[in-house]
Amino acid sequence: MSETVEKADPSEGATGVKPRSVRVVLMALMIAMLLAMLDNMIIGTAMPTIVGELGGLEHLSWVVTAYTLATAASTPIWGKLGDMYGRKGAFLTSIVIFLVGSVLSGMAQDMGQLIGFRAIQGLGAGGLMVGVMAIIGDLIPPRERGKYQGMMAGVMALAMIGGPLVGGTITDHMGWRWSFYINLPLGAVALAMVTAVLHLPKKRAAQGKIDYLGAALLTIAITSTVLVTTWGGTEYAWGSVEILGLIVVGALSTAAFLYAETRAAEPVMPLHIFRSRNFTLMSVIGFLVGFAMFGGVLYLPLFQQSVQGASATNSGLLLLPMLLSMMVVSLIAGRITTSSGKYKIFPIIGGALMIVGLFLLATMDVGTSRLVSGLYMAVLGAGLGFLMQITMLVAQNSVDMKDMGVASSSATLFRTLGGSFGVALMGSLFTTQVTNTMADRLGPEAASAAGSAQLDAASLAKLPEAVREAYQYAVAAGTHSAFLLGAAIAVLGFVAAWFVKEVPLKGAGPAKAPAGAEADADAGAGAGAGAGPGDGASGRAQESLAH
């Protein structure tokens, strides 16, 4: 039973919520976030061993694709379920589904079973990230949320750095099945902590019906899009019947989804949230952040392993300059946002740094040292640090509390789709450039034999010197093209950032007018941008948390 906070203690900060209470809840949420982010990093390291035992090399890509598809398709649905029936119940359910999928994946006896169980895991993962972001949006006013940005960036860095190291250690000493079972103790802790310390106001039962048609059409649209970006240029040629057919299906299902959402009583993705200029701009910028970040994470280790001779075992550590820079800058930007209430400058600075960082990475060649490439990565990381959490913060600040779930899930979805497009387009350009460069230097036959392979330092050492040098030169040329494309795409994000309107963050100070008095679409209909933190659902959530 919650207890109303009569008067905020001076040590409690602007929200009236004791910092210690907030940190306990956030610790539980960060463990759940770590579950979703760590999984793919660990499994990636274990995949060669898994294929060696289960066979089915031709289906290897589906182990990742099934997880990614299920995560992307379920993300908006989890957000809407939380809005309709309660955030805590939806979040706990997603954790349970994720853990069930983890256990089943660890017990898989063949590749077909593993792919199916990974899809179950992905369904749960879709609710983990959205649940964390939406609950934080419920509990902490936007202006105060900047204090905790460094914690979220730190979890991301921990997953990217520690995942490959943990995955390799577990696989070598305990067997690949434990790369799935390791989720159980973390998940159990998250379940126990969330159940015990997270107290949100109970929602009334939703009056409208679940938008099953919209959910189905959105799932088809997302699935088609992800498959196009996953298969295009790899499994099938871009101009093949399969890829063109998926593009048509994706376009038709998207059009049908948009129409269905205008007719649904409780749309799974209410289109009115896109009337806010800020929300729409943050969706675009989030898409571009995903494009740059996932492309960088994929091709930077490849360059350092193939060209600079780094060990694949320490692939997570290779990203340390980018990740540390991202974490520190995110923390600083969050603190400044909390103290000043200003945020428009950060997407602009972040967009500029992202362009510069990607362009600098595009200049790397066979003579670039690890120190220089590390400095270039730090520039890109700083740009991402200014953008990563600010995009979610502004997106959530642009909608009503009742739409917090769908706003969080939409922002997460656009970032995920941006990553899919980034990996696909940058990958296609990279592969083409590597193949063409190898053909120029060694001839078509040698290019087809070695150009399509991704060789680590150990494999390169076994090649004849002429072939090794040609391959290293080709990889450098490929990364140049990939990052140059990323820099060109990042220009769109920089331009979009200039059109962001600095709407006051909710919880920024005492109310100067009744909630909803300022008819500003960017503040969200009835959002009451100047409202204090105790207003409405947010205030009740904070009171429950304080108790």
Protein backbone atom coordinates (compact mmCIF):
# COMPACT_ATOMS: atom_id res chain seq x y z
CA MET A 1 0.00 0.00 0.00
CA SER A 2 1.48 3.31 -1.04
CA GLU A 3 1.82 6.29 1.23
CA THR A 4 1.48 9.91 0.12
CA VAL A 5 4.54 12.07 0.53
CA GLU A 6 3.42 15.08 2.58
CA LYS A 7 6.55 17.14 2.11
CA ALA A 8 9.71 16.48 0.20
CA ASP A 9 12.85 16.24 2.23
CA PRO A 10 15.53 18.67 1.05
CA SER A 11 17.78 15.73 0.25
CA GLU A 12 15.21 14.20 -2.04
CA GLY A 13 15.75 16.48 -5.01
CA ALA A 14 13.21 18.04 -7.33
CA THR A 15 11.08 14.97 -7.74
CA GLY A 16 10.25 14.37 -4.12
CA VAL A 17 11.67 10.87 -4.52
CA LYS A 18 14.59 9.84 -2.37
CA PRO A 19 17.67 9.27 -4.53
CA ARG A 20 18.34 5.96 -2.77
CA SER A 21 14.87 4.67 -3.67
CA VAL A 22 15.37 5.71 -7.28
CA ARG A 23 18.76 3.99 -7.42
CA VAL A 24 17.37 0.72 -6.05
CA VAL A 25 14.63 0.63 -8.68
CA LEU A 26 17.05 1.65 -11.43
CA MET A 27 19.45 -1.09 -10.40
CA ALA A 28 16.70 -3.66 -10.97
CA LEU A 29 15.82 -2.07 -14.32
CA MET A 30 19.46 -1.93 -15.42
CA ILE A 31 19.89 -5.66 -14.69
CA ALA A 32 16.92 -6.35 -16.95
CA MET A 33 18.39 -4.07 -19.64
CA LEU A 34 21.71 -5.88 -19.31
CA LEU A 35 19.91 -9.19 -19.99
CA ALA A 36 18.70 -8.00 -23.39
CA MET A 37 21.93 -6.27 -24.43
CA LEU A 38 24.36 -8.91 -23.17
CA ASP A 39 22.64 -11.85 -24.83
CA ASN A 40 23.61 -11.23 -28.46
CA MET A 41 27.16 -10.30 -27.49
CA ILE A 42 27.65 -13.57 -25.60
CA ILE A 43 25.94 -15.75 -28.20
CA GLY A 44 28.01 -14.26 -31.02
CA THR A 45 31.19 -15.58 -29.42
CA ALA A 46 29.65 -19.02 -28.83
CA MET A 47 28.23 -19.48 -32.35
CA PRO A 48 31.19 -21.34 -33.90
CA THR A 49 31.01 -23.94 -31.10
CA ILE A 50 27.22 -24.20 -31.39
CA VAL A 51 27.41 -24.84 -35.13
CA GLY A 52 30.16 -27.41 -34.55
CA GLU A 53 27.90 -29.42 -32.24
CA LEU A 54 24.45 -28.92 -33.77
CA GLY A 55 25.44 -28.61 -37.43
CA GLY A 56 23.23 -26.63 -39.81
CA LEU A 57 25.80 -24.07 -40.88
CA GLU A 58 23.51 -22.97 -43.71
CA HIS A 59 20.95 -21.84 -41.12
CA LEU A 60 23.44 -19.97 -38.94
CA SER A 61 22.17 -16.50 -39.82
CA TRP A 62 18.67 -17.43 -38.67
CA VAL A 63 19.86 -17.86 -35.08
CA VAL A 64 20.43 -14.10 -35.01
CA THR A 65 17.68 -13.14 -37.47
CA ALA A 66 14.92 -14.97 -35.55
CA TYR A 67 15.88 -13.15 -32.35
CA THR A 68 16.13 -9.76 -34.07
CA LEU A 69 12.82 -10.17 -35.91
CA ALA A 70 10.92 -11.20 -32.79
CA THR A 71 12.43 -8.34 -30.80
CA ALA A 72 11.64 -5.68 -33.40
CA ALA A 73 8.11 -6.96 -34.12
CA SER A 74 7.12 -7.25 -30.46
CA THR A 75 8.60 -3.93 -29.30
CA PRO A 76 5.59 -1.69 -30.17
CA ILE A 77 3.13 -4.29 -28.86
CA TRP A 78 4.81 -4.46 -25.46
CA GLY A 79 4.71 -0.67 -25.22
CA LYS A 80 0.97 -0.59 -25.92
CA LEU A 81 0.23 -3.45 -23.51
CA GLY A 82 2.00 -1.52 -20.76
CA ASP A 83 -0.07 1.59 -21.53
CA MET A 84 -3.32 -0.38 -21.50
CA TYR A 85 -2.90 -2.88 -18.67
CA GLY A 86 -0.06 -1.68 -16.48
CA ARG A 87 3.68 -1.28 -16.90
CA LYS A 88 4.87 -3.57 -14.12
CA GLY A 89 2.85 -6.63 -15.18
CA ALA A 90 3.93 -6.32 -18.82
CA PHE A 91 7.57 -5.89 -17.80
CA LEU A 92 7.61 -8.92 -15.48
CA THR A 93 5.91 -11.01 -18.18
CA SER A 94 8.58 -10.05 -20.72
CA ILE A 95 11.33 -11.11 -18.29
CA VAL A 96 9.67 -14.49 -17.74
CA ILE A 97 9.28 -15.08 -21.50
CA PHE A 98 12.91 -14.14 -22.06
CA LEU A 99 14.08 -16.57 -19.38
CA VAL A 100 11.89 -19.38 -20.71
CA GLY A 101 13.36 -18.79 -24.17
CA SER A 102 16.86 -18.86 -22.66
CA VAL A 103 16.29 -22.22 -20.94
CA LEU A 104 14.78 -23.75 -24.08
CA SER A 105 17.63 -22.41 -26.24
CA GLY A 106 20.15 -24.00 -23.90
CA MET A 107 18.33 -27.33 -24.22
CA ALA A 108 18.09 -27.23 -28.06
CA GLN A 109 19.08 -30.47 -29.80
CA ASP A 110 19.29 -29.19 -33.37
CA MET A 111 19.52 -25.92 -35.27
CA GLY A 112 15.78 -25.80 -36.01
CA GLN A 113 14.91 -25.96 -32.31
CA LEU A 114 17.51 -23.33 -31.48
CA ILE A 115 16.09 -20.93 -34.08
CA GLY A 116 12.54 -21.39 -32.74
CA PHE A 117 13.60 -20.94 -29.12
CA ARG A 118 15.65 -17.86 -30.01
CA ALA A 119 12.46 -16.35 -31.44
CA ILE A 120 10.76 -16.91 -28.05
CA GLN A 121 13.73 -15.25 -26.38
CA GLY A 122 13.40 -12.31 -28.78
CA LEU A 123 9.72 -11.87 -27.92
CA GLY A 124 10.69 -11.34 -24.30
CA ALA A 125 13.64 -9.12 -25.19
CA GLY A 126 11.28 -6.76 -27.04
CA GLY A 127 9.57 -5.97 -23.74
CA LEU A 128 12.74 -5.60 -21.69
CA MET A 129 14.14 -2.45 -23.30
CA VAL A 130 10.74 -0.82 -23.74
CA GLY A 131 9.75 -1.67 -20.17
CA VAL A 132 12.88 -0.08 -18.75
CA MET A 133 12.48 3.13 -20.75
CA ALA A 134 8.74 3.48 -20.10
CA ILE A 135 9.04 2.80 -16.35
CA ILE A 136 11.81 5.38 -16.06
CA GLY A 137 9.52 7.75 -17.97
CA ASP A 138 6.74 7.07 -15.45
CA LEU A 139 8.87 7.47 -12.33
CA ILE A 140 11.27 10.29 -13.10
CA PRO A 141 10.35 13.66 -14.68
CA PRO A 142 12.34 14.40 -17.84
CA ARG A 143 14.44 17.15 -16.29
CA GLU A 144 15.56 14.87 -13.45
CA ARG A 145 16.15 11.92 -15.80
CA GLY A 146 19.44 13.35 -17.03
CA LYS A 147 21.07 12.43 -13.71
CA TYR A 148 20.77 8.76 -14.57
CA GLN A 149 21.83 8.81 -18.24
CA GLY A 150 25.38 7.78 -17.38
CA MET A 151 24.08 4.64 -15.69
CA MET A 152 22.25 3.53 -18.86
CA ALA A 153 25.23 4.33 -21.07
CA GLY A 154 27.43 2.39 -18.65
CA VAL A 155 25.25 -0.70 -18.96
CA MET A 156 25.53 -0.51 -22.75
CA ALA A 157 29.32 -0.20 -22.54
CA LEU A 158 29.51 -3.10 -20.07
CA ALA A 159 27.47 -5.32 -22.40
CA MET A 160 29.53 -4.48 -25.49
CA ILE A 161 32.90 -4.86 -23.76
CA GLY A 162 32.13 -7.71 -21.39
CA GLY A 163 29.83 -9.74 -23.64
CA PRO A 164 32.46 -11.23 -25.96
CA LEU A 165 34.86 -11.85 -23.05
CA VAL A 166 32.21 -13.55 -20.92
CA GLY A 167 30.91 -15.51 -23.90
CA GLY A 168 34.36 -16.83 -24.76
CA THR A 169 35.12 -17.80 -21.17
CA ILE A 170 31.79 -19.58 -20.65
CA THR A 171 32.02 -21.45 -23.95
CA ASP A 172 35.59 -22.59 -23.32
CA HIS A 173 35.12 -23.71 -19.71
CA MET A 174 31.43 -24.55 -19.22
CA GLY A 175 30.06 -25.33 -22.68
CA TRP A 176 27.94 -23.24 -25.07
CA ARG A 177 24.65 -24.14 -23.37
CA TRP A 178 25.68 -22.05 -20.37
CA SER A 179 25.85 -19.00 -22.61
CA PHE A 180 22.04 -19.20 -22.42
CA TYR A 181 21.71 -20.50 -18.86
CA ILE A 182 23.77 -17.56 -17.56
CA ASN A 183 20.64 -15.44 -18.06
CA LEU A 184 18.79 -17.32 -15.31
CA PRO A 185 20.55 -15.93 -12.20
CA LEU A 186 20.53 -12.40 -13.64
CA GLY A 187 16.86 -12.76 -14.57
CA ALA A 188 15.94 -14.14 -11.15
CA VAL A 189 17.57 -11.17 -9.44
CA ALA A 190 15.78 -8.75 -11.78
CA LEU A 191 12.41 -10.46 -11.18
CA ALA A 192 12.84 -10.41 -7.41
CA MET A 193 13.99 -6.80 -7.24
CA VAL A 194 11.33 -5.46 -9.62
CA THR A 195 8.59 -7.35 -7.77
CA ALA A 196 9.79 -6.09 -4.38
CA VAL A 197 10.75 -2.47 -4.98
CA LEU A 198 8.76 -1.25 -7.98
CA HIS A 199 5.35 0.12 -6.96
CA LEU A 200 3.35 1.80 -9.71
CA PRO A 201 -0.24 3.09 -9.52
CA LYS A 202 -2.70 0.45 -10.67
CA LYS A 203 -4.24 1.16 -14.04
CA ARG A 204 -7.92 0.80 -14.70
CA ALA A 205 -8.78 -2.05 -17.00
CA ALA A 206 -8.56 -0.85 -20.60
CA GLN A 207 -11.93 -0.06 -22.13
CA GLY A 208 -10.94 -0.64 -25.76
CA LYS A 209 -9.98 -3.92 -27.37
CA ILE A 210 -6.44 -4.81 -28.31
CA ASP A 211 -5.66 -3.68 -31.84
CA TYR A 212 -5.02 -7.17 -33.22
CA LEU A 213 -5.24 -6.06 -36.86
CA GLY A 214 -2.80 -3.21 -36.35
CA ALA A 215 -0.41 -5.48 -34.44
CA ALA A 216 -0.52 -8.10 -37.22
CA LEU A 217 0.04 -5.57 -40.00
CA LEU A 218 2.86 -3.88 -38.09
CA THR A 219 4.51 -7.26 -37.50
CA ILE A 220 4.35 -8.06 -41.22
CA ALA A 221 5.75 -4.62 -42.13
CA ILE A 222 8.63 -4.87 -39.65
CA THR A 223 9.40 -8.48 -40.59
CA SER A 224 9.54 -7.61 -44.29
CA THR A 225 11.78 -4.62 -43.65
CA VAL A 226 14.21 -6.52 -41.41
CA LEU A 227 14.39 -9.43 -43.87
CA VAL A 228 15.14 -7.06 -46.75
CA THR A 229 18.01 -5.50 -44.80
CA THR A 230 19.23 -8.90 -43.58
CA TRP A 231 19.03 -10.86 -46.85
CA GLY A 232 19.63 -8.10 -49.41
CA GLY A 233 23.04 -8.48 -51.02
CA THR A 234 23.87 -11.62 -48.99
CA GLU A 235 21.31 -14.42 -49.23
CA TYR A 236 19.71 -12.87 -52.32
CA ALA A 237 20.69 -10.18 -54.81
CA TRP A 238 19.08 -6.78 -54.27
CA GLY A 239 17.23 -7.10 -57.57
CA SER A 240 16.03 -10.67 -56.95
CA VAL A 241 12.37 -11.68 -56.90
CA GLU A 242 12.60 -12.49 -53.18
CA ILE A 243 13.91 -9.08 -52.15
CA LEU A 244 11.62 -7.13 -54.47
CA GLY A 245 8.68 -9.20 -53.22
CA LEU A 246 9.55 -8.40 -49.60
CA ILE A 247 9.79 -4.70 -50.46
CA VAL A 248 6.30 -4.80 -52.00
CA VAL A 249 4.88 -6.70 -49.02
CA GLY A 250 6.52 -4.23 -46.65
CA ALA A 251 5.15 -1.20 -48.49
CA LEU A 252 1.60 -2.60 -48.74
CA SER A 253 1.48 -3.75 -45.12
CA THR A 254 2.80 -0.37 -43.95
CA ALA A 255 0.08 1.46 -45.91
CA ALA A 256 -2.57 -0.92 -44.55
CA PHE A 257 -1.23 -0.46 -41.01
CA LEU A 258 -1.41 3.34 -41.23
CA TYR A 259 -5.02 3.11 -42.42
CA ALA A 260 -5.95 0.60 -39.72
CA GLU A 261 -4.51 2.84 -37.00
CA THR A 262 -6.87 5.65 -37.99
CA ARG A 263 -9.84 3.31 -37.39
CA ALA A 264 -8.76 1.45 -34.23
CA ALA A 265 -10.17 2.34 -30.81
CA GLU A 266 -6.84 1.58 -29.09
CA PRO A 267 -4.21 1.74 -31.88
CA VAL A 268 -1.01 -0.15 -31.17
CA MET A 269 0.91 2.91 -32.41
CA PRO A 270 -1.29 6.02 -32.15
CA LEU A 271 -0.48 8.24 -35.11
CA HIS A 272 -1.27 11.40 -33.17
CA ILE A 273 2.09 11.14 -31.36
CA PHE A 274 3.76 12.00 -34.68
CA ARG A 275 1.93 15.34 -34.77
CA SER A 276 4.58 16.55 -32.34
CA ARG A 277 7.45 17.97 -34.34
CA ASN A 278 9.93 17.00 -31.63
CA PHE A 279 8.75 13.39 -31.43
CA THR A 280 8.98 12.95 -35.19
CA LEU A 281 12.43 14.56 -35.33
CA MET A 282 13.68 12.37 -32.47
CA SER A 283 12.41 9.28 -34.30
CA VAL A 284 14.41 10.32 -37.37
CA ILE A 285 17.54 11.14 -35.34
CA GLY A 286 17.19 7.88 -33.37
CA PHE A 287 17.04 5.95 -36.66
CA LEU A 288 20.27 7.63 -37.79
CA VAL A 289 21.97 7.01 -34.43
CA GLY A 290 21.17 3.31 -34.78
CA PHE A 291 22.50 3.39 -38.35
CA ALA A 292 25.86 4.85 -37.26
CA MET A 293 26.29 2.96 -34.00
CA PHE A 294 25.57 -0.57 -35.22
CA GLY A 295 27.63 -0.02 -38.34
CA GLY A 296 30.54 1.19 -36.23
CA VAL A 297 30.28 -1.69 -33.78
CA LEU A 298 30.36 -4.17 -36.68
CA TYR A 299 33.15 -2.75 -38.85
CA LEU A 300 35.56 -1.24 -36.33
CA PRO A 301 36.59 -4.61 -34.81
CA LEU A 302 36.79 -6.08 -38.32
CA PHE A 303 39.21 -3.35 -39.40
CA GLN A 304 41.35 -3.69 -36.27
CA GLN A 305 41.52 -7.47 -36.54
CA SER A 306 42.15 -7.68 -40.29
CA VAL A 307 44.27 -4.58 -40.88
CA GLN A 308 45.83 -3.79 -37.50
CA GLY A 309 46.40 -7.41 -36.41
CA ALA A 310 44.41 -7.25 -33.16
CA SER A 311 43.21 -10.44 -31.46
CA ALA A 312 39.60 -11.48 -32.01
CA THR A 313 39.42 -12.66 -28.38
CA ASN A 314 39.61 -9.06 -27.18
CA SER A 315 37.18 -7.70 -29.77
CA GLY A 316 35.05 -6.06 -27.11
CA LEU A 317 38.02 -4.12 -25.75
CA LEU A 318 38.71 -2.72 -29.21
CA LEU A 319 35.61 -0.56 -28.85
CA LEU A 320 36.65 0.84 -25.47
CA PRO A 321 37.57 4.36 -26.69
CA MET A 322 34.19 4.79 -28.37
CA LEU A 323 32.20 3.32 -25.47
CA LEU A 324 34.00 5.21 -22.70
CA SER A 325 33.64 8.47 -24.61
CA MET A 326 29.95 7.76 -25.15
CA MET A 327 29.40 7.00 -21.46
CA VAL A 328 31.25 10.05 -20.11
CA VAL A 329 29.64 12.49 -22.55
CA SER A 330 26.19 11.02 -21.91
CA LEU A 331 26.68 11.54 -18.18
CA ILE A 332 27.85 15.14 -18.63
CA ALA A 333 24.99 15.98 -21.02
CA GLY A 334 22.51 14.49 -18.57
CA ARG A 335 23.82 16.52 -15.68
CA ILE A 336 23.70 19.74 -17.68
CA THR A 337 20.16 18.97 -18.84
CA THR A 338 19.07 18.39 -15.24
CA SER A 339 20.61 21.61 -13.95
CA SER A 340 19.61 23.88 -16.83
CA GLY A 341 16.54 22.26 -18.39
CA LYS A 342 18.08 22.95 -21.82
CA TYR A 343 18.71 20.24 -24.38
CA LYS A 344 18.42 21.53 -27.96
CA ILE A 345 22.15 22.16 -28.29
CA PHE A 346 23.02 18.52 -27.58
CA PRO A 347 21.47 16.94 -30.71
CA ILE A 348 23.20 19.64 -32.78
CA ILE A 349 26.62 19.05 -31.20
CA GLY A 350 26.08 15.29 -31.26
CA GLY A 351 25.11 15.34 -34.93
CA ALA A 352 28.20 17.38 -35.83
CA LEU A 353 30.54 15.09 -33.86
CA MET A 354 28.96 12.00 -35.40
CA ILE A 355 29.65 13.35 -38.90
CA VAL A 356 33.25 14.25 -37.99
CA GLY A 357 33.86 10.93 -36.24
CA LEU A 358 32.54 8.84 -39.14
CA PHE A 359 34.51 10.91 -41.64
CA LEU A 360 37.71 10.48 -39.63
CA LEU A 361 37.11 6.71 -39.48
CA ALA A 362 36.65 6.77 -43.25
CA THR A 363 40.21 8.11 -43.61
CA MET A 364 41.79 5.05 -41.95
CA ASP A 365 44.10 2.95 -44.11
CA VAL A 366 46.70 0.19 -43.69
CA GLY A 367 49.10 2.64 -42.04
CA THR A 368 46.69 3.95 -39.38
CA SER A 369 47.90 3.15 -35.84
CA ARG A 370 45.65 1.87 -33.06
CA LEU A 371 46.17 5.13 -31.15
CA VAL A 372 44.90 7.22 -34.05
CA SER A 373 41.94 4.93 -34.73
CA GLY A 374 41.15 5.03 -30.98
CA LEU A 375 41.04 8.84 -31.07
CA TYR A 376 38.73 8.73 -34.08
CA MET A 377 36.46 6.28 -32.25
CA ALA A 378 36.38 8.60 -29.24
CA VAL A 379 35.05 11.42 -31.44
CA LEU A 380 32.27 9.17 -32.75
CA GLY A 381 31.53 8.00 -29.21
CA ALA A 382 31.19 11.60 -28.03
CA GLY A 383 28.68 12.29 -30.77
CA LEU A 384 26.66 9.21 -29.84
CA GLY A 385 26.86 10.20 -26.16
CA PHE A 386 25.17 13.53 -26.90
CA LEU A 387 22.42 11.74 -28.84
CA MET A 388 21.71 8.32 -27.31
CA GLN A 389 19.66 9.26 -24.24
CA ILE A 390 18.61 12.76 -25.33
CA THR A 391 16.57 11.31 -28.21
CA MET A 392 14.57 9.12 -25.82
CA LEU A 393 14.25 11.94 -23.27
CA VAL A 394 12.82 14.45 -25.75
CA ALA A 395 10.56 11.81 -27.36
CA GLN A 396 9.03 10.96 -23.98
CA ASN A 397 8.71 14.64 -23.08
CA SER A 398 6.65 15.19 -26.25
CA VAL A 399 3.71 12.91 -25.36
CA ASP A 400 1.04 12.46 -22.70
CA MET A 401 1.69 10.09 -19.81
CA LYS A 402 -0.92 7.71 -21.25
CA ASP A 403 1.24 7.31 -24.38
CA MET A 404 4.54 6.83 -22.55
CA GLY A 405 4.75 3.16 -23.51
CA VAL A 406 4.10 3.59 -27.23
CA ALA A 407 6.43 6.61 -27.34
CA SER A 408 9.24 4.58 -25.74
CA SER A 409 8.60 1.56 -27.96
CA SER A 410 8.40 3.67 -31.13
CA ALA A 411 11.68 5.43 -30.35
CA THR A 412 13.31 2.06 -29.60
CA LEU A 413 11.89 0.55 -32.79
CA PHE A 414 13.21 3.33 -35.03
CA ARG A 415 16.68 2.95 -33.51
CA THR A 416 16.53 -0.83 -34.09
CA LEU A 417 15.43 -0.39 -37.70
CA GLY A 418 18.18 2.18 -38.19
CA GLY A 419 20.68 -0.42 -37.02
CA SER A 420 19.28 -2.98 -39.47
CA PHE A 421 19.55 -0.56 -42.37
CA GLY A 422 23.01 0.56 -41.29
CA VAL A 423 24.42 -2.95 -41.11
CA ALA A 424 22.78 -3.90 -44.44
CA LEU A 425 23.76 -0.85 -46.50
CA MET A 426 27.20 -0.40 -45.03
CA GLY A 427 27.74 -4.16 -45.30
CA SER A 428 26.72 -4.26 -48.94
CA LEU A 429 29.05 -1.37 -49.77
CA PHE A 430 31.87 -2.93 -47.76
CA THR A 431 31.59 -6.33 -49.46
CA THR A 432 31.43 -4.80 -52.92
CA GLN A 433 34.47 -2.64 -52.29
CA VAL A 434 36.50 -5.52 -50.81
CA THR A 435 35.69 -7.78 -53.76
CA ASN A 436 36.47 -5.13 -56.37
CA THR A 437 39.75 -4.14 -54.71
CA MET A 438 40.87 -7.76 -54.42
CA ALA A 439 40.02 -8.29 -58.11
CA ASP A 440 42.06 -5.24 -59.09
CA ARG A 441 45.10 -6.41 -57.14
CA LEU A 442 45.02 -10.19 -57.53
CA GLY A 443 42.55 -10.96 -60.29
CA PRO A 444 38.93 -12.19 -60.26
CA GLU A 445 39.71 -15.76 -59.16
CA ALA A 446 41.67 -14.72 -56.09
CA ALA A 447 39.00 -12.17 -55.25
CA SER A 448 36.25 -14.78 -55.25
CA ALA A 449 38.39 -17.12 -53.11
CA ALA A 450 39.49 -14.66 -50.43
CA GLY A 451 37.54 -11.46 -50.92
CA SER A 452 34.26 -12.70 -49.45
CA ALA A 453 35.86 -14.13 -46.30
CA GLN A 454 36.29 -12.20 -43.05
CA LEU A 455 39.74 -13.28 -41.87
CA ASP A 456 41.13 -12.72 -38.39
CA ALA A 457 44.78 -12.03 -37.56
CA ALA A 458 45.65 -15.72 -37.14
CA SER A 459 44.16 -16.68 -40.51
CA LEU A 460 45.85 -13.76 -42.26
CA ALA A 461 49.25 -14.82 -40.94
CA LYS A 462 48.95 -18.09 -42.89
CA LEU A 463 48.35 -16.37 -46.24
CA PRO A 464 51.09 -15.56 -48.75
CA GLU A 465 52.39 -12.04 -48.21
CA ALA A 466 50.98 -10.68 -51.49
CA VAL A 467 47.51 -12.04 -50.73
CA ARG A 468 47.62 -10.81 -47.13
CA GLU A 469 48.61 -7.29 -48.12
CA ALA A 470 45.95 -7.19 -50.85
CA TYR A 471 43.28 -8.32 -48.38
CA GLN A 472 44.30 -5.77 -45.77
CA TYR A 473 44.25 -3.02 -48.38
CA ALA A 474 40.83 -4.21 -49.55
CA VAL A 475 39.39 -4.21 -46.01
CA ALA A 476 40.73 -0.68 -45.48
CA ALA A 477 39.05 0.38 -48.74
CA GLY A 478 35.82 -1.31 -47.67
CA THR A 479 35.72 0.41 -44.28
CA HIS A 480 36.49 3.72 -45.99
CA SER A 481 33.40 3.34 -48.20
CA ALA A 482 31.19 2.11 -45.35
CA PHE A 483 32.06 4.94 -42.96
CA LEU A 484 31.87 7.53 -45.72
CA LEU A 485 28.28 6.41 -46.32
CA GLY A 486 27.66 6.66 -42.58
CA ALA A 487 29.00 10.22 -42.51
CA ALA A 488 26.75 11.21 -45.43
CA ILE A 489 23.69 9.74 -43.71
CA ALA A 490 24.63 11.45 -40.42
CA VAL A 491 24.33 14.83 -42.16
CA LEU A 492 20.55 14.27 -42.20
CA GLY A 493 20.54 13.93 -38.42
CA PHE A 494 22.55 17.12 -38.01
CA VAL A 495 20.08 19.02 -40.22
CA ALA A 496 17.09 17.54 -38.36
CA ALA A 497 18.55 18.62 -34.99
CA TRP A 498 18.30 22.31 -35.96
CA PHE A 499 14.51 22.01 -36.22
CA VAL A 500 14.05 20.66 -32.67
CA LYS A 501 11.94 23.03 -30.57
CA GLU A 502 13.09 23.50 -26.99
CA VAL A 503 9.86 22.70 -25.15
CA PRO A 504 10.37 22.95 -21.35
CA LEU A 505 11.01 19.57 -19.75
CA LYS A 506 8.25 18.33 -17.47
CA GLY A 507 9.19 18.58 -13.85
CA ALA A 508 11.40 21.59 -14.61
CA GLY A 509 9.90 23.78 -11.92
CA PRO A 510 6.69 25.01 -10.26
CA ALA A 511 3.62 25.20 -12.44
CA LYS A 512 3.12 28.62 -13.97
CA ALA A 513 -0.16 27.78 -15.61
CA PRO A 514 -2.76 25.02 -15.36
CA ALA A 515 -1.78 21.78 -17.06
CA GLY A 516 -2.59 21.90 -20.73
CA ALA A 517 -2.98 25.69 -20.78
CA GLU A 518 -0.24 26.10 -23.33
CA ALA A 519 -1.55 24.70 -26.59
CA ASP A 520 1.74 23.51 -27.97
CA ALA A 521 1.63 20.36 -30.03
CA ASP A 522 5.28 19.66 -29.27
CA ALA A 523 4.55 19.50 -25.56
CA GLY A 524 1.98 16.79 -26.20
CA ALA A 525 -1.74 17.39 -25.92
CA GLY A 526 -2.47 18.23 -22.29
CA ALA A 527 1.06 17.26 -21.24
CA GLY A 528 1.50 20.38 -19.11
CA ALA A 529 5.16 21.04 -19.82
CA GLY A 530 5.47 23.34 -16.84
CA ALA A 531 3.74 20.95 -14.46
CA GLY A 532 5.47 19.88 -11.30
CA PRO A 533 6.66 16.32 -10.80
CA GLY A 534 3.82 15.39 -8.52
CA ASP A 535 1.09 15.89 -11.08
CA GLY A 536 -1.06 13.03 -12.31
CA ALA A 537 0.19 9.50 -12.91
CA SER A 538 3.83 10.52 -12.71
CA GLY A 539 3.36 12.02 -9.25
CA ARG A 540 1.47 8.96 -7.99
CA ALA A 541 4.21 6.70 -9.31
CA GLN A 542 6.83 8.74 -7.52
CA GLU A 543 4.85 8.64 -4.26
CA SER A 544 4.63 4.85 -4.50
CA LEU A 545 8.33 4.65 -5.20
CA ALA A 546 9.18 6.87 -2.26
CA HIS A 547 7.21 4.54 -0.03
